[in-house]
Amino acid sequence: MTSVFTHILEGRSPGRFIWRDDRCFAILTIEPRRAGHTLVIPLQEVDRWTDLPEDLALHIFRVGRLIGLAQQEEWGSDRVGVMYEGYMVPHAHLHVWPSWTVYEYSHTGIDRNARPEELDEAAVRLRARLIAHGHGEFVASD
């Protein structure tokens, strides 16, 4: 079954793209824990992250690290939160967000009504920071 992430990748649903390469893509989540909260998603539809081929899981984590470094610099966070999840969408994806507290790992801290203009601003800022870090060839224009 095709996931909502595949619909976004194919342009059938909207998404704020941050990164694209030949193995994965990254978009801002519409329910962020913090500004810049990004999902790194394999192109290959795999339900559980533990079922990903090892090299693909490592690639997703590497891309997440690059995005996390850009987030930390852009938003001045103490740390970068990382979490593999898959309960809401059965397509493995890595959550990456600028983090200041362990309590952000709780689902109670999610902004379920994020304003589109705030998401647009976060996308512009994160893309610019990734370009500044030398990753322009992978930064999505939208």
C-alpha atoms as a PDB file:
ATOM      1  CA  MET A   1       0.000   0.000   0.000  1.00  0.00           C
ATOM      2  CA  THR A   2       1.284   3.458  -0.911  1.00  0.00           C
ATOM      3  CA  SER A   3       1.933   5.736   2.057  1.00  0.00           C
ATOM      4  CA  VAL A   4       1.154   9.437   2.417  1.00  0.00           C
ATOM      5  CA  PHE A   5       4.913  10.027   2.126  1.00  0.00           C
ATOM      6  CA  THR A   6       4.924   8.483  -1.345  1.00  0.00           C
ATOM      7  CA  HIS A   7       1.964  10.692  -2.271  1.00  0.00           C
ATOM      8  CA  ILE A   8       3.968  13.730  -1.133  1.00  0.00           C
ATOM      9  CA  LEU A   9       7.061  12.585  -3.036  1.00  0.00           C
ATOM     10  CA  GLU A  10       5.017  12.109  -6.204  1.00  0.00           C
ATOM     11  CA  GLY A  11       3.348  15.516  -5.847  1.00  0.00           C
ATOM     12  CA  ARG A  12      -0.129  14.138  -5.129  1.00  0.00           C
ATOM     13  CA  SER A  13      -0.075  15.743  -1.655  1.00  0.00           C
ATOM     14  CA  PRO A  14       1.742  18.924  -0.594  1.00  0.00           C
ATOM     15  CA  GLY A  15       5.042  18.868   1.245  1.00  0.00           C
ATOM     16  CA  ARG A  16       7.837  21.250   2.222  1.00  0.00           C
ATOM     17  CA  PHE A  17      10.873  19.479   0.825  1.00  0.00           C
ATOM     18  CA  ILE A  18      14.228  19.999   2.492  1.00  0.00           C
ATOM     19  CA  TRP A  19      16.406  17.269   0.933  1.00  0.00           C
ATOM     20  CA  ARG A  20      16.332  14.863  -2.006  1.00  0.00           C
ATOM     21  CA  ASP A  21      18.861  12.333  -3.162  1.00  0.00           C
ATOM     22  CA  ASP A  22      18.743   8.970  -4.914  1.00  0.00           C
ATOM     23  CA  ARG A  23      17.838   7.049  -1.720  1.00  0.00           C
ATOM     24  CA  CYS A  24      15.766   9.324   0.510  1.00  0.00           C
ATOM     25  CA  PHE A  25      14.035  12.656   0.857  1.00  0.00           C
ATOM     26  CA  ALA A  26      13.285  14.957   3.779  1.00  0.00           C
ATOM     27  CA  ILE A  27      10.262  17.134   4.450  1.00  0.00           C
ATOM     28  CA  LEU A  28       9.114  19.316   7.296  1.00  0.00           C
ATOM     29  CA  THR A  29       6.433  17.648   9.370  1.00  0.00           C
ATOM     30  CA  ILE A  30       3.095  19.433   9.595  1.00  0.00           C
ATOM     31  CA  GLU A  31       2.991  18.568  13.319  1.00  0.00           C
ATOM     32  CA  PRO A  32       6.356  19.813  14.604  1.00  0.00           C
ATOM     33  CA  ARG A  33       7.851  19.448  18.049  1.00  0.00           C
ATOM     34  CA  ARG A  34       9.913  22.570  17.269  1.00  0.00           C
ATOM     35  CA  ALA A  35      10.472  24.818  14.255  1.00  0.00           C
ATOM     36  CA  GLY A  36      12.512  22.936  11.672  1.00  0.00           C
ATOM     37  CA  HIS A  37      11.255  19.463  12.710  1.00  0.00           C
ATOM     38  CA  THR A  38      12.098  17.315   9.694  1.00  0.00           C
ATOM     39  CA  LEU A  39      11.272  13.774   8.591  1.00  0.00           C
ATOM     40  CA  VAL A  40      13.927  11.834   6.665  1.00  0.00           C
ATOM     41  CA  ILE A  41      12.185   9.168   4.594  1.00  0.00           C
ATOM     42  CA  PRO A  42      13.533   6.397   2.357  1.00  0.00           C
ATOM     43  CA  LEU A  43      12.252   6.344  -1.210  1.00  0.00           C
ATOM     44  CA  GLN A  44      11.725   2.620  -0.729  1.00  0.00           C
ATOM     45  CA  GLU A  45       8.461   1.934   1.102  1.00  0.00           C
ATOM     46  CA  VAL A  46       9.412  -0.115   4.145  1.00  0.00           C
ATOM     47  CA  ASP A  47       7.088  -0.250   7.142  1.00  0.00           C
ATOM     48  CA  ARG A  48       9.540  -0.799  10.015  1.00  0.00           C
ATOM     49  CA  TRP A  49      12.967   0.811  10.241  1.00  0.00           C
ATOM     50  CA  THR A  50      14.364  -2.501  11.441  1.00  0.00           C
ATOM     51  CA  ASP A  51      13.388  -3.977   8.058  1.00  0.00           C
ATOM     52  CA  LEU A  52      15.396  -1.401   6.111  1.00  0.00           C
ATOM     53  CA  PRO A  53      18.540  -2.688   4.403  1.00  0.00           C
ATOM     54  CA  GLU A  54      21.410  -1.764   6.721  1.00  0.00           C
ATOM     55  CA  ASP A  55      23.105   0.542   4.215  1.00  0.00           C
ATOM     56  CA  LEU A  56      19.845   2.455   3.654  1.00  0.00           C
ATOM     57  CA  ALA A  57      19.211   2.804   7.397  1.00  0.00           C
ATOM     58  CA  LEU A  58      22.730   4.202   7.792  1.00  0.00           C
ATOM     59  CA  HIS A  59      22.227   6.584   4.862  1.00  0.00           C
ATOM     60  CA  ILE A  60      19.012   7.933   6.391  1.00  0.00           C
ATOM     61  CA  PHE A  61      20.793   8.436   9.694  1.00  0.00           C
ATOM     62  CA  ARG A  62      23.702  10.226   7.943  1.00  0.00           C
ATOM     63  CA  VAL A  63      21.295  12.580   6.173  1.00  0.00           C
ATOM     64  CA  GLY A  64      19.469  13.119   9.474  1.00  0.00           C
ATOM     65  CA  ARG A  65      22.780  14.038  11.094  1.00  0.00           C
ATOM     66  CA  LEU A  66      23.517  16.645   8.404  1.00  0.00           C
ATOM     67  CA  ILE A  67      20.046  18.113   8.808  1.00  0.00           C
ATOM     68  CA  GLY A  68      20.454  18.034  12.596  1.00  0.00           C
ATOM     69  CA  LEU A  69      23.734  19.951  12.409  1.00  0.00           C
ATOM     70  CA  ALA A  70      22.031  22.593  10.271  1.00  0.00           C
ATOM     71  CA  GLN A  71      19.068  22.772  12.687  1.00  0.00           C
ATOM     72  CA  GLN A  72      21.307  23.104  15.720  1.00  0.00           C
ATOM     73  CA  GLU A  73      23.211  25.965  14.131  1.00  0.00           C
ATOM     74  CA  GLU A  74      20.121  27.703  12.731  1.00  0.00           C
ATOM     75  CA  TRP A  75      17.993  27.546  15.884  1.00  0.00           C
ATOM     76  CA  GLY A  76      20.808  27.479  18.461  1.00  0.00           C
ATOM     77  CA  SER A  77      19.516  24.359  20.188  1.00  0.00           C
ATOM     78  CA  ASP A  78      21.386  22.533  22.921  1.00  0.00           C
ATOM     79  CA  ARG A  79      20.907  19.186  21.174  1.00  0.00           C
ATOM     80  CA  VAL A  80      19.173  17.571  18.228  1.00  0.00           C
ATOM     81  CA  GLY A  81      16.329  15.167  18.895  1.00  0.00           C
ATOM     82  CA  VAL A  82      16.206  11.996  16.816  1.00  0.00           C
ATOM     83  CA  MET A  83      13.553   9.311  16.785  1.00  0.00           C
ATOM     84  CA  TYR A  84      12.547   6.558  14.394  1.00  0.00           C
ATOM     85  CA  GLU A  85       8.825   6.085  14.481  1.00  0.00           C
ATOM     86  CA  GLY A  86       6.192   4.511  12.301  1.00  0.00           C
ATOM     87  CA  TYR A  87       2.949   4.196  14.185  1.00  0.00           C
ATOM     88  CA  MET A  88       1.067   6.972  12.392  1.00  0.00           C
ATOM     89  CA  VAL A  89       2.418   6.274   8.901  1.00  0.00           C
ATOM     90  CA  PRO A  90       3.526   2.735   7.978  1.00  0.00           C
ATOM     91  CA  HIS A  91       6.601   3.970   6.105  1.00  0.00           C
ATOM     92  CA  ALA A  92       9.887   4.107   8.040  1.00  0.00           C
ATOM     93  CA  HIS A  93      10.964   7.668   8.786  1.00  0.00           C
ATOM     94  CA  LEU A  94      13.441   9.452  11.011  1.00  0.00           C
ATOM     95  CA  HIS A  95      12.289  12.481  13.023  1.00  0.00           C
ATOM     96  CA  VAL A  96      14.994  15.151  13.490  1.00  0.00           C
ATOM     97  CA  TRP A  97      14.400  18.400  15.391  1.00  0.00           C
ATOM     98  CA  PRO A  98      16.285  21.115  17.290  1.00  0.00           C
ATOM     99  CA  SER A  99      15.902  20.157  20.944  1.00  0.00           C
ATOM    100  CA  TRP A 100      16.213  21.834  24.324  1.00  0.00           C
ATOM    101  CA  THR A 101      14.622  19.277  26.664  1.00  0.00           C
ATOM    102  CA  VAL A 102      13.977  15.545  27.034  1.00  0.00           C
ATOM    103  CA  TYR A 103      10.265  16.307  27.401  1.00  0.00           C
ATOM    104  CA  GLU A 104      10.071  16.970  23.668  1.00  0.00           C
ATOM    105  CA  TYR A 105      10.063  13.204  23.156  1.00  0.00           C
ATOM    106  CA  SER A 106       6.506  13.113  24.507  1.00  0.00           C
ATOM    107  CA  HIS A 107       3.627  13.364  22.048  1.00  0.00           C
ATOM    108  CA  THR A 108       2.093  16.054  24.229  1.00  0.00           C
ATOM    109  CA  GLY A 109       4.639  18.574  22.894  1.00  0.00           C
ATOM    110  CA  ILE A 110       3.571  18.338  19.253  1.00  0.00           C
ATOM    111  CA  ASP A 111       2.040  21.402  17.581  1.00  0.00           C
ATOM    112  CA  ARG A 112      -0.945  19.924  15.770  1.00  0.00           C
ATOM    113  CA  ASN A 113      -1.986  23.349  14.439  1.00  0.00           C
ATOM    114  CA  ALA A 114       1.261  24.706  13.021  1.00  0.00           C
ATOM    115  CA  ARG A 115       0.683  27.788  10.897  1.00  0.00           C
ATOM    116  CA  PRO A 116       1.663  27.384   7.232  1.00  0.00           C
ATOM    117  CA  GLU A 117       3.709  30.597   7.265  1.00  0.00           C
ATOM    118  CA  GLU A 118       5.761  29.295  10.208  1.00  0.00           C
ATOM    119  CA  LEU A 119       6.427  26.044   8.350  1.00  0.00           C
ATOM    120  CA  ASP A 120       7.374  27.974   5.199  1.00  0.00           C
ATOM    121  CA  GLU A 121       9.811  30.127   7.173  1.00  0.00           C
ATOM    122  CA  ALA A 122      11.388  27.068   8.815  1.00  0.00           C
ATOM    123  CA  ALA A 123      11.813  25.411   5.409  1.00  0.00           C
ATOM    124  CA  VAL A 124      13.542  28.486   3.964  1.00  0.00           C
ATOM    125  CA  ARG A 125      15.856  28.775   6.963  1.00  0.00           C
ATOM    126  CA  LEU A 126      16.802  25.094   7.004  1.00  0.00           C
ATOM    127  CA  ARG A 127      17.412  24.926   3.251  1.00  0.00           C
ATOM    128  CA  ALA A 128      19.646  28.013   3.432  1.00  0.00           C
ATOM    129  CA  ARG A 129      21.648  26.533   6.307  1.00  0.00           C
ATOM    130  CA  LEU A 130      22.127  23.219   4.462  1.00  0.00           C
ATOM    131  CA  ILE A 131      23.340  25.118   1.393  1.00  0.00           C
ATOM    132  CA  ALA A 132      25.730  27.094   3.626  1.00  0.00           C
ATOM    133  CA  HIS A 133      27.031  23.749   4.933  1.00  0.00           C
ATOM    134  CA  GLY A 134      27.876  22.688   1.372  1.00  0.00           C
ATOM    135  CA  HIS A 135      24.948  20.377   0.631  1.00  0.00           C
ATOM    136  CA  GLY A 136      23.257  22.502  -2.033  1.00  0.00           C
ATOM    137  CA  GLU A 137      23.138  19.702  -4.585  1.00  0.00           C
ATOM    138  CA  PHE A 138      20.684  17.819  -2.367  1.00  0.00           C
ATOM    139  CA  VAL A 139      18.636  20.732  -1.042  1.00  0.00           C
ATOM    140  CA  ALA A 140      15.160  20.659  -2.509  1.00  0.00           C
ATOM    141  CA  SER A 141      13.791  23.872  -3.985  1.00  0.00           C
ATOM    142  CA  ASP A 142      10.300  22.857  -2.854  1.00  0.00           C
END
